[in-house]
Amino acid sequence: MRISEGALLVVLAMLVPFIVELRTALSWFGIKLTILETLILGSVITLAVLVWAMRPEKNDTNGGSSRPS
């Protein structure tokens, strides 16, 4: 994993207010999202974060981790 389980939980929890406020901010520009569209957008963003978090990290050319110990 690219991120610890605790940090992933925090990121996912912060997505909820982010998505709600994104809907509000978009309405200022005349872009109206329904509840269903907001749920779909939130699901796509959540899925993208989960896919990123679950992908293994790239290794160095010598086989070691790219993170310092």
Protein backbone atom coordinates (compact mmCIF):
# COMPACT_ATOMS: atom_id res chain seq x y z
CA MET A 1 0.00 0.00 0.00
CA ARG A 2 1.11 3.53 -0.68
CA ILE A 3 -0.48 4.93 2.48
CA SER A 4 -1.18 3.57 5.95
CA GLU A 5 -4.65 2.34 6.82
CA GLY A 6 -5.16 5.16 9.33
CA ALA A 7 -4.16 7.84 6.85
CA LEU A 8 -6.40 6.28 4.20
CA LEU A 9 -9.31 6.41 6.64
CA VAL A 10 -8.65 10.11 7.30
CA VAL A 11 -8.47 10.85 3.55
CA LEU A 12 -11.75 9.02 2.91
CA ALA A 13 -13.42 10.84 5.83
CA MET A 14 -12.25 14.20 4.47
CA LEU A 15 -13.76 13.40 1.07
CA VAL A 16 -17.30 13.69 2.44
CA PRO A 17 -17.21 17.42 3.27
CA PHE A 18 -15.02 18.06 0.22
CA ILE A 19 -17.63 16.57 -2.13
CA VAL A 20 -20.50 18.41 -0.42
CA GLU A 21 -18.64 21.73 -0.62
CA LEU A 22 -17.62 21.03 -4.22
CA ARG A 23 -21.31 20.80 -5.08
CA THR A 24 -21.86 24.18 -3.41
CA ALA A 25 -18.88 25.78 -5.13
CA LEU A 26 -19.96 24.51 -8.55
CA SER A 27 -23.40 26.03 -8.05
CA TRP A 28 -21.74 29.49 -7.83
CA PHE A 29 -20.62 28.99 -11.43
CA GLY A 30 -24.05 27.88 -12.59
CA ILE A 31 -23.27 24.15 -12.54
CA LYS A 32 -26.09 22.39 -10.73
CA LEU A 33 -25.53 18.82 -9.54
CA THR A 34 -28.35 16.59 -8.34
CA ILE A 35 -27.94 14.36 -5.32
CA LEU A 36 -27.51 11.35 -7.64
CA GLU A 37 -24.81 13.10 -9.67
CA THR A 38 -23.05 14.09 -6.44
CA LEU A 39 -23.16 10.49 -5.22
CA ILE A 40 -21.74 9.24 -8.52
CA LEU A 41 -18.98 11.86 -8.48
CA GLY A 42 -18.18 11.00 -4.86
CA SER A 43 -18.06 7.30 -5.69
CA VAL A 44 -15.69 7.90 -8.60
CA ILE A 45 -13.37 10.05 -6.47
CA THR A 46 -13.43 7.50 -3.63
CA LEU A 47 -12.70 4.65 -6.04
CA ALA A 48 -9.81 6.60 -7.55
CA VAL A 49 -8.30 7.20 -4.09
CA LEU A 50 -8.70 3.52 -3.18
CA VAL A 51 -7.12 2.33 -6.44
CA TRP A 52 -4.19 4.71 -5.92
CA ALA A 53 -3.76 3.60 -2.30
CA MET A 54 -3.86 -0.13 -3.10
CA ARG A 55 -1.38 -0.04 -5.98
CA PRO A 56 2.06 -1.26 -4.97
CA GLU A 57 4.87 1.25 -4.88
CA LYS A 58 7.50 1.25 -7.60
CA ASN A 59 10.81 -0.26 -6.51
CA ASP A 60 14.31 1.03 -7.09
CA THR A 61 16.54 -0.51 -9.74
CA ASN A 62 18.35 -2.45 -6.99
CA GLY A 63 15.11 -3.95 -5.68
CA GLY A 64 14.76 -1.77 -2.60
CA SER A 65 11.85 0.38 -1.56
CA SER A 66 11.82 4.00 -2.70
CA ARG A 67 10.99 5.10 0.86
CA PRO A 68 13.83 5.72 3.31
CA SER A 69 13.90 3.40 6.31
